Amino acid sequence: MSKCCGNRNAEVKNADPCAPPEPACGGAGDKAKDTNCPFAWFGNMVEHCHAYATAEKEKGTKIVGICCEYTPRELIMAAGAVPVCLCGGDADMIPAAEEQLPATLCPLVKSTFGYSVQEANPFLEMADLLVAETTCDGKKKMYELLAQARPMYVLELPQKPDDPDALQHWVLELEKLKDHLQEQFRTKISTVKIREAIKTMNRERALRRRLAELMKSAEPPLTGRELLDMKSIISCMPADFEQYRKAIDGLPGRQIDPPASSRTRVLLTGVPLAHGAERVMDIIEQHGGLVVCQENCTGLKPLLEDVEPDAQDPIHALAEKYFHLPCSVMTKNDRRLESIATLARDYNAHCIIELIWQACLTYDVESHFVRQFAERELGIPYLRIETDYSPSDSARIAMRVEALFETIRGKGD
C-alpha cells in the first residue's frame, strides 16, 4: 500500500483523499499536486499562510497578530485585516527569550517572545497591530515587553464567568477593540461587515467540527496528529475551505495503521499544542494511543459554539461566544468539566490525558479538579503530563503512557 504524503503511521487503504485516480498525492514540495491532497496542503501550512499574508500585505491589507482564542477574529476581519496566530512552539526560540524572561516561565510564552527577540517570525514582523488579552500573568507581563517595540492593544478579559456583570464588561471591551481597529486602520467597521465575518468564521468552524466528528467512528480515518495539523494559523483562507471539503468528502473509508481497534482512545485536554510543539501528541500515538478528541484551544474548544449571525447586536453575540470558552483562567471553570464529560461520551474515550506546560499555573492547579472528575464522575483513567518543549523527558513520558494503556487493556481482558 502507498503511504500518503509522508503522514505519520497511516497506511492508506480504500477511499483516500490523498490518492485520487489522477493526479496522485504528491510530495510536500510539489505545489501543483499539493492542492489535490489535504494532508500535503496542511503539511505546507506555514508556507501557504506566508504566501497569503505577503500577497495581502502587498495589496495594502493590514496584518493583526493574535495570541489567544479569546480575541475575536471576526472583528479583525470586519476591519478588512488578516488575523494571524503568533503562539510560539519552537524550543529554539526560548534561550533568547530567557535573557529577559524568567527561565521558569511557560515555554509557550517564552517561545512566542523569543521569536520577537530573534525577529524570526515573518508574521510578527509584518504585523501592523498585536491584539493581546489579560489571561495568564505570564502572558500579560510578556505583552508589556512586546509593546515596547510593537503596536499593541490589550483586551481586559473578565475571569468570573458566572458574575452577572462580567459579560457586559466583555461586551464593552469588544466595543473598545472595534473603536481602536477603526481608528488604527482608518476604516469603518459596519454591522454588515461584522455579520459577514461571523458567517465566514462560522463556516470554518463548521468544517473543522465535521472533520473532528470523523474521530467519533469506531475506526477513525485519520490520526489525532493528522487532525491537529489540519488547520492554519490564518483563519478563513479560501484555499483552506476547499481542502477541508476534500478531506470531509474523501476521508471516510480510509484506514490507519495500526488500526484504531488496537489502540486506546484518548481524550487530550489541557494546554494548546502550538505549531512545532506536538511532541506529546506524537508520543501518545506512537505508543498505542489514538487521540480521538482534543479538548484544548488547538482542538475542539473554540469550535464548539458558533456566533448568531443575525443577532440584533452582533458585538454582544461575539462577546457571548468568546466569553463561553472554558479556559483555566476562568474561576470557577465548571464549563470545562461539563465539556469534557460530553466529549468523553461522544468520542468514546477510554481515558483522559492532560498536558500541562511547566509553569502554566492555571492548568496545573485545575488538573486536580479534572482528575477528580474523570475518576469519580466519569469513571475513566486519568494521566497528567507536565513538560516543556525540550525532548529530554520523552522516554519517561512514553513509559507512563504505555503503563496507562496496559492498565486499560488489562481491565478489558
Protein backbone atom coordinates (compact mmCIF):
# COMPACT_ATOMS: atom_id res chain seq x y z
CA MET A 1 0.00 0.00 0.00
CA SER A 2 1.16 3.53 -0.68
CA LYS A 3 1.99 5.99 2.04
CA CYS A 4 0.13 9.29 1.91
CA CYS A 5 2.20 12.45 1.75
CA GLY A 6 4.65 11.21 4.34
CA ASN A 7 1.99 11.26 7.06
CA ARG A 8 2.70 9.56 10.37
CA ASN A 9 1.72 5.94 10.99
CA ALA A 10 -1.05 6.00 8.41
CA GLU A 11 -1.27 3.38 5.69
CA VAL A 12 -3.75 4.31 3.02
CA LYS A 13 -6.43 1.81 2.08
CA ASN A 14 -9.83 2.00 0.41
CA ALA A 15 -11.14 5.53 -0.25
CA ASP A 16 -8.36 8.04 0.24
CA PRO A 17 -8.46 11.80 -0.40
CA CYS A 18 -4.70 11.68 -0.92
CA ALA A 19 -4.89 9.20 -3.79
CA PRO A 20 -7.45 10.34 -6.33
CA PRO A 21 -7.18 8.50 -9.67
CA GLU A 22 -5.22 11.35 -11.25
CA PRO A 23 -3.08 13.02 -10.20
CA ALA A 24 -1.74 11.00 -7.27
CA CYS A 25 -0.91 12.65 -3.98
CA GLY A 26 2.41 14.39 -4.42
CA GLY A 27 5.25 15.24 -2.07
CA ALA A 28 5.28 18.29 0.15
CA GLY A 29 7.40 20.28 -2.27
CA ASP A 30 5.15 19.76 -5.29
CA LYS A 31 2.91 22.82 -5.33
CA ALA A 32 0.83 21.56 -8.25
CA LYS A 33 -0.05 18.35 -6.50
CA ASP A 34 -0.43 19.84 -3.01
CA THR A 35 -3.87 21.14 -3.94
CA ASN A 36 -5.07 17.57 -4.52
CA CYS A 37 -4.14 16.28 -1.07
CA PRO A 38 -5.35 17.86 2.18
CA PHE A 39 -2.54 16.26 4.18
CA ALA A 40 0.11 17.66 1.85
CA TRP A 41 -1.63 21.05 1.75
CA PHE A 42 -1.67 21.46 5.52
CA GLY A 43 1.81 19.95 5.70
CA ASN A 44 2.87 23.14 3.94
CA MET A 45 0.62 25.28 6.14
CA VAL A 46 3.21 27.87 7.17
CA GLU A 47 4.35 28.39 3.60
CA HIS A 48 0.76 28.81 2.37
CA CYS A 49 -0.05 31.25 5.17
CA HIS A 50 3.10 33.25 4.48
CA ALA A 51 2.30 33.49 0.77
CA TYR A 52 -1.25 34.58 1.57
CA ALA A 53 -0.20 37.18 4.17
CA THR A 54 2.53 38.54 1.91
CA ALA A 55 0.13 38.93 -1.02
CA GLU A 56 -2.44 40.65 1.22
CA LYS A 57 0.22 42.95 2.67
CA GLU A 58 1.31 43.97 -0.82
CA LYS A 59 -2.31 44.90 -1.57
CA GLY A 60 -2.38 47.17 1.47
CA THR A 61 -4.28 44.81 3.77
CA LYS A 62 -3.38 45.14 7.45
CA ILE A 63 -1.98 42.16 9.37
CA VAL A 64 -3.04 41.69 13.00
CA GLY A 65 -1.22 39.27 15.28
CA ILE A 66 -3.19 37.46 17.99
CA CYS A 67 -2.11 35.09 20.77
CA CYS A 68 -5.33 33.71 22.21
CA GLU A 69 -8.68 32.26 21.20
CA TYR A 70 -10.44 34.92 23.27
CA THR A 71 -9.56 37.51 20.62
CA PRO A 72 -12.50 37.64 18.17
CA ARG A 73 -11.10 37.17 14.69
CA GLU A 74 -14.43 38.40 13.32
CA LEU A 75 -13.79 41.98 14.41
CA ILE A 76 -10.35 41.96 12.83
CA MET A 77 -11.75 40.54 9.60
CA ALA A 78 -14.58 43.10 9.63
CA ALA A 79 -11.88 45.79 9.76
CA GLY A 80 -10.51 44.40 6.50
CA ALA A 81 -7.45 42.93 8.22
CA VAL A 82 -5.94 39.44 8.38
CA PRO A 83 -5.71 37.80 11.85
CA VAL A 84 -2.61 35.64 12.36
CA CYS A 85 -1.92 33.43 15.39
CA LEU A 86 1.57 34.12 16.80
CA CYS A 87 1.80 31.45 19.54
CA GLY A 88 5.33 30.03 19.57
CA GLY A 89 6.01 26.30 19.51
CA ASP A 90 9.74 26.28 18.80
CA ALA A 91 12.13 25.35 21.60
CA ASP A 92 15.00 27.06 19.76
CA MET A 93 13.39 30.45 20.41
CA ILE A 94 13.43 30.03 24.19
CA PRO A 95 17.10 30.81 25.06
CA ALA A 96 16.86 34.29 23.53
CA ALA A 97 13.64 34.95 25.45
CA GLU A 98 15.24 33.91 28.75
CA GLU A 99 17.61 36.87 28.50
CA GLN A 100 14.61 38.99 29.52
CA LEU A 101 12.05 36.50 30.83
CA PRO A 102 12.34 34.10 33.80
CA ALA A 103 13.58 30.64 32.90
CA THR A 104 10.72 29.23 34.97
CA LEU A 105 8.05 30.78 32.73
CA CYS A 106 5.74 28.79 30.47
CA PRO A 107 7.53 27.62 27.28
CA LEU A 108 4.72 28.87 25.04
CA VAL A 109 5.12 32.39 26.42
CA LYS A 110 8.91 32.24 26.13
CA SER A 111 8.88 30.83 22.62
CA THR A 112 6.43 33.47 21.45
CA PHE A 113 8.61 36.23 22.86
CA GLY A 114 11.77 34.61 21.56
CA TYR A 115 10.50 34.97 18.02
CA SER A 116 10.24 38.71 18.63
CA VAL A 117 13.74 38.95 20.11
CA GLN A 118 15.20 36.99 17.21
CA GLU A 119 12.99 38.70 14.63
CA ALA A 120 12.39 35.18 13.37
CA ASN A 121 8.61 35.17 12.82
CA PRO A 122 7.76 36.82 9.49
CA PHE A 123 4.12 37.17 10.50
CA LEU A 124 5.10 39.08 13.63
CA GLU A 125 7.48 41.24 11.64
CA MET A 126 4.80 42.22 9.12
CA ALA A 127 2.07 42.77 11.76
CA ASP A 128 0.56 46.25 11.86
CA LEU A 129 -1.00 45.60 15.28
CA LEU A 130 -0.94 42.97 18.02
CA VAL A 131 -4.13 42.26 19.95
CA ALA A 132 -3.44 40.66 23.32
CA GLU A 133 -5.60 39.74 26.30
CA THR A 134 -5.35 39.52 30.07
CA THR A 135 -5.42 35.77 30.55
CA CYS A 136 -2.45 34.37 32.49
CA ASP A 137 0.04 36.56 34.35
CA GLY A 138 2.96 35.33 32.27
CA LYS A 139 1.35 36.46 29.04
CA LYS A 140 0.27 39.79 30.48
CA LYS A 141 3.78 40.76 31.53
CA MET A 142 5.34 39.37 28.34
CA TYR A 143 2.97 41.60 26.36
CA GLU A 144 4.41 44.63 28.15
CA LEU A 145 7.82 43.73 26.76
CA LEU A 146 6.42 43.16 23.27
CA ALA A 147 4.67 46.53 23.42
CA GLN A 148 7.99 48.33 23.82
CA ALA A 149 8.74 47.73 20.16
CA ARG A 150 5.39 46.87 18.55
CA PRO A 151 1.90 48.42 18.39
CA MET A 152 -0.21 46.61 20.94
CA TYR A 153 -3.82 46.62 22.10
CA VAL A 154 -4.78 44.65 25.22
CA LEU A 155 -8.27 43.31 25.88
CA GLU A 156 -9.21 43.03 29.56
CA LEU A 157 -10.80 39.61 29.95
CA PRO A 158 -13.16 39.19 32.92
CA GLN A 159 -12.39 35.92 34.64
CA LYS A 160 -15.54 35.15 36.66
CA PRO A 161 -17.88 33.56 34.09
CA ASP A 162 -20.85 33.45 36.46
CA ASP A 163 -20.62 37.08 37.53
CA PRO A 164 -23.68 38.90 36.12
CA ASP A 165 -21.53 41.95 35.30
CA ALA A 166 -18.76 40.02 33.55
CA LEU A 167 -20.39 39.57 30.16
CA GLN A 168 -21.37 43.23 29.92
CA HIS A 169 -17.80 44.20 30.76
CA TRP A 170 -16.59 41.93 27.95
CA VAL A 171 -19.08 43.48 25.52
CA LEU A 172 -17.63 46.90 26.34
CA GLU A 173 -14.11 45.56 25.79
CA LEU A 174 -15.05 44.35 22.32
CA GLU A 175 -16.68 47.69 21.56
CA LYS A 176 -13.43 49.40 22.51
CA LEU A 177 -11.46 46.97 20.33
CA LYS A 178 -13.77 47.83 17.43
CA ASP A 179 -13.15 51.54 18.01
CA HIS A 180 -9.40 51.00 18.18
CA LEU A 181 -9.32 48.99 14.95
CA GLN A 182 -11.33 51.69 13.20
CA GLU A 183 -9.00 54.42 14.42
CA GLN A 184 -5.78 52.47 13.86
CA PHE A 185 -6.65 51.41 10.32
CA ARG A 186 -8.79 54.42 9.38
CA THR A 187 -11.71 52.27 8.41
CA LYS A 188 -15.37 51.78 9.27
CA ILE A 189 -16.49 48.50 10.80
CA SER A 190 -20.15 48.27 9.87
CA THR A 191 -22.71 45.85 11.24
CA VAL A 192 -22.91 44.31 7.79
CA LYS A 193 -19.16 43.64 7.75
CA ILE A 194 -19.30 42.06 11.22
CA ARG A 195 -22.15 39.77 10.15
CA GLU A 196 -20.23 38.74 7.02
CA ALA A 197 -17.16 37.94 9.11
CA ILE A 198 -19.28 35.97 11.57
CA LYS A 199 -20.72 33.87 8.75
CA THR A 200 -17.26 33.19 7.35
CA MET A 201 -15.86 32.14 10.73
CA ASN A 202 -18.94 30.00 11.40
CA ARG A 203 -18.31 28.27 8.10
CA GLU A 204 -14.74 27.45 9.04
CA ARG A 205 -15.77 26.24 12.49
CA ALA A 206 -18.45 24.01 10.96
CA LEU A 207 -16.00 22.42 8.53
CA ARG A 208 -13.44 21.77 11.24
CA ARG A 209 -16.13 20.32 13.51
CA ARG A 210 -17.15 17.92 10.75
CA LEU A 211 -13.54 16.82 10.41
CA ALA A 212 -13.26 16.32 14.17
CA GLU A 213 -16.51 14.33 14.22
CA LEU A 214 -14.89 11.72 11.96
CA MET A 215 -12.98 10.69 15.09
CA LYS A 216 -16.22 9.51 16.71
CA SER A 217 -16.15 6.46 14.45
CA ALA A 218 -15.07 3.09 15.82
CA GLU A 219 -12.44 3.20 13.07
CA PRO A 220 -11.47 6.87 12.57
CA PRO A 221 -10.00 7.54 9.13
CA LEU A 222 -7.15 9.71 10.43
CA THR A 223 -4.96 10.07 13.49
CA GLY A 224 -5.19 12.76 16.12
CA ARG A 225 -1.92 14.26 14.88
CA GLU A 226 -3.25 14.44 11.34
CA LEU A 227 -6.35 16.20 12.60
CA LEU A 228 -4.28 18.59 14.72
CA ASP A 229 -2.24 19.53 11.66
CA MET A 230 -5.32 20.19 9.54
CA LYS A 231 -5.69 23.89 10.33
CA SER A 232 -3.89 27.15 9.62
CA ILE A 233 -2.53 29.98 11.73
CA ILE A 234 -4.53 32.31 9.48
CA SER A 235 -8.28 31.79 9.67
CA CYS A 236 -10.62 31.58 6.71
CA MET A 237 -8.17 31.39 3.84
CA PRO A 238 -10.32 30.45 0.82
CA ALA A 239 -7.94 27.66 -0.21
CA ASP A 240 -8.30 26.05 3.23
CA PHE A 241 -12.06 25.78 2.79
CA GLU A 242 -11.50 23.75 -0.36
CA GLN A 243 -9.09 21.41 1.45
CA TYR A 244 -11.50 20.90 4.35
CA ARG A 245 -14.21 19.88 1.93
CA LYS A 246 -11.87 17.47 0.14
CA ALA A 247 -10.93 15.85 3.43
CA ILE A 248 -14.52 15.56 4.63
CA ASP A 249 -15.61 14.00 1.34
CA GLY A 250 -12.60 11.75 0.82
CA LEU A 251 -11.55 10.53 4.24
CA PRO A 252 -14.45 8.19 5.14
CA GLY A 253 -13.34 4.65 4.33
CA ARG A 254 -9.65 5.37 4.79
CA GLN A 255 -7.88 3.12 7.29
CA ILE A 256 -4.99 3.98 9.55
CA ASP A 257 -2.23 1.59 10.53
CA PRO A 258 -2.17 0.31 13.21
CA PRO A 259 -5.98 0.28 13.20
CA ALA A 260 -7.98 2.17 15.78
CA SER A 261 -9.39 -1.07 17.18
CA SER A 262 -5.93 -1.95 18.50
CA ARG A 263 -5.37 1.43 20.15
CA THR A 264 -6.51 3.17 23.32
CA ARG A 265 -8.90 6.03 22.59
CA VAL A 266 -7.63 9.19 24.29
CA LEU A 267 -9.31 12.48 25.13
CA LEU A 268 -6.46 15.01 25.28
CA THR A 269 -7.09 18.07 27.40
CA GLY A 270 -5.03 20.88 28.89
CA VAL A 271 -2.77 23.41 27.21
CA PRO A 272 -2.75 24.21 23.49
CA LEU A 273 -0.26 22.49 21.20
CA ALA A 274 1.21 25.35 19.20
CA HIS A 275 2.68 24.55 15.78
CA GLY A 276 6.01 22.85 16.43
CA ALA A 277 5.09 21.67 19.95
CA GLU A 278 3.26 18.44 19.11
CA ARG A 279 5.77 16.10 20.77
CA VAL A 280 3.43 14.69 23.44
CA MET A 281 0.71 14.05 20.87
CA ASP A 282 3.23 12.03 18.84
CA ILE A 283 4.37 10.06 21.89
CA ILE A 284 0.79 9.11 22.72
CA GLU A 285 0.06 7.91 19.19
CA GLN A 286 3.40 6.14 18.72
CA HIS A 287 2.89 4.07 21.89
CA GLY A 288 -0.55 2.57 21.45
CA GLY A 289 -2.92 5.52 21.72
CA LEU A 290 -5.21 7.35 19.33
CA VAL A 291 -6.20 10.89 20.29
CA VAL A 292 -9.83 10.84 19.19
CA CYS A 293 -10.71 14.14 20.87
CA GLN A 294 -8.66 17.25 21.59
CA GLU A 295 -10.39 19.36 24.23
CA ASN A 296 -8.00 22.28 24.08
CA CYS A 297 -7.57 25.60 22.29
CA THR A 298 -5.85 23.98 19.30
CA GLY A 299 -8.63 21.42 19.11
CA LEU A 300 -12.37 21.47 19.66
CA LYS A 301 -12.67 24.07 22.40
CA PRO A 302 -13.02 27.12 20.10
CA LEU A 303 -15.15 25.21 17.58
CA LEU A 304 -18.00 24.00 19.75
CA GLU A 305 -20.04 27.19 19.64
CA ASP A 306 -20.86 29.43 16.69
CA VAL A 307 -21.93 33.07 16.68
CA GLU A 308 -25.50 34.02 15.82
CA PRO A 309 -25.02 35.99 12.57
CA ASP A 310 -28.47 37.60 12.65
CA ALA A 311 -28.38 38.66 16.31
CA GLN A 312 -29.74 42.13 16.90
CA ASP A 313 -26.40 43.17 18.39
CA PRO A 314 -23.54 41.25 16.70
CA ILE A 315 -20.95 42.57 19.17
CA HIS A 316 -22.97 41.12 22.02
CA ALA A 317 -23.27 37.84 20.13
CA LEU A 318 -19.49 37.76 19.64
CA ALA A 319 -18.93 38.52 23.30
CA GLU A 320 -21.18 35.64 24.36
CA LYS A 321 -19.44 33.11 22.12
CA TYR A 322 -15.90 34.01 23.14
CA PHE A 323 -16.68 34.52 26.80
CA HIS A 324 -18.05 30.97 26.94
CA LEU A 325 -14.62 29.48 26.19
CA PRO A 326 -13.83 27.31 29.24
CA CYS A 327 -10.18 28.26 29.73
CA SER A 328 -8.45 27.51 33.02
CA VAL A 329 -8.01 31.25 33.64
CA MET A 330 -11.72 31.32 34.47
CA THR A 331 -12.87 30.82 38.05
CA LYS A 332 -14.81 28.70 38.65
CA ASN A 333 -14.37 26.82 35.43
CA ASP A 334 -17.22 24.34 35.65
CA ARG A 335 -17.96 24.67 31.93
CA ARG A 336 -14.72 22.85 31.16
CA LEU A 337 -15.76 19.82 33.19
CA GLU A 338 -19.16 19.81 31.51
CA SER A 339 -17.49 19.95 28.11
CA ILE A 340 -15.08 17.13 28.97
CA ALA A 341 -17.99 14.96 30.10
CA THR A 342 -19.88 15.49 26.85
CA LEU A 343 -16.83 14.96 24.65
CA ALA A 344 -15.65 11.86 26.52
CA ARG A 345 -19.05 10.30 25.92
CA ASP A 346 -19.43 11.41 22.31
CA TYR A 347 -15.94 10.26 21.31
CA ASN A 348 -15.99 7.09 23.43
CA ALA A 349 -12.76 7.98 25.21
CA HIS A 350 -11.07 5.20 27.17
CA CYS A 351 -9.02 7.66 29.20
CA ILE A 352 -8.16 11.32 29.67
CA ILE A 353 -4.61 12.61 29.30
CA GLU A 354 -3.98 16.16 30.44
CA LEU A 355 -0.99 18.06 29.09
CA ILE A 356 0.39 20.94 31.15
CA TRP A 357 3.28 23.16 30.15
CA GLN A 358 5.67 23.77 33.02
CA ALA A 359 4.76 26.95 34.93
CA CYS A 360 1.24 27.02 33.48
CA LEU A 361 -0.22 27.53 36.92
CA THR A 362 -3.88 27.78 35.96
CA TYR A 363 -3.99 24.42 34.18
CA ASP A 364 -1.67 22.90 36.75
CA VAL A 365 -3.96 23.74 39.67
CA GLU A 366 -7.11 22.92 37.72
CA SER A 367 -5.76 19.45 36.92
CA HIS A 368 -6.79 18.47 40.47
CA PHE A 369 -10.43 19.01 39.57
CA VAL A 370 -10.11 17.32 36.18
CA ARG A 371 -8.57 14.21 37.78
CA GLN A 372 -11.30 14.03 40.40
CA PHE A 373 -13.99 14.48 37.77
CA ALA A 374 -12.51 11.88 35.43
CA GLU A 375 -12.07 9.21 38.07
CA ARG A 376 -15.09 9.84 40.29
CA GLU A 377 -17.74 11.14 37.91
CA LEU A 378 -16.77 9.66 34.55
CA GLY A 379 -15.10 6.52 35.87
CA ILE A 380 -12.24 6.58 33.37
CA PRO A 381 -8.47 6.66 33.96
CA TYR A 382 -6.61 9.97 34.00
CA LEU A 383 -2.96 10.81 33.39
CA ARG A 384 -1.34 14.19 33.99
CA ILE A 385 1.75 15.03 31.94
CA GLU A 386 3.76 18.12 32.85
CA THR A 387 6.57 19.01 30.49
CA ASP A 388 8.12 21.80 28.42
CA TYR A 389 9.32 21.99 24.84
CA SER A 390 12.51 20.03 25.48
CA PRO A 391 12.53 16.35 24.39
CA SER A 392 14.67 15.35 27.36
CA ASP A 393 11.77 13.65 29.17
CA SER A 394 10.25 11.92 26.13
CA ALA A 395 11.31 8.42 27.24
CA ARG A 396 9.79 8.93 30.70
CA ILE A 397 6.54 10.23 29.21
CA ALA A 398 6.41 7.26 26.84
CA MET A 399 6.76 4.81 29.74
CA ARG A 400 3.95 6.49 31.67
CA VAL A 401 1.69 6.49 28.62
CA GLU A 402 2.41 2.82 27.90
CA ALA A 403 1.71 1.91 31.53
CA LEU A 404 -1.65 3.71 31.36
CA PHE A 405 -2.62 1.87 28.16
CA GLU A 406 -1.53 -1.50 29.55
CA THR A 407 -3.71 -0.93 32.62
CA ILE A 408 -6.71 -0.07 30.44
CA ARG A 409 -6.17 -3.13 28.21
CA GLY A 410 -5.78 -5.29 31.30
CA LYS A 411 -9.18 -4.20 32.60
CA GLY A 412 -10.72 -5.11 29.26
CA ASP A 413 -9.42 -8.69 29.31
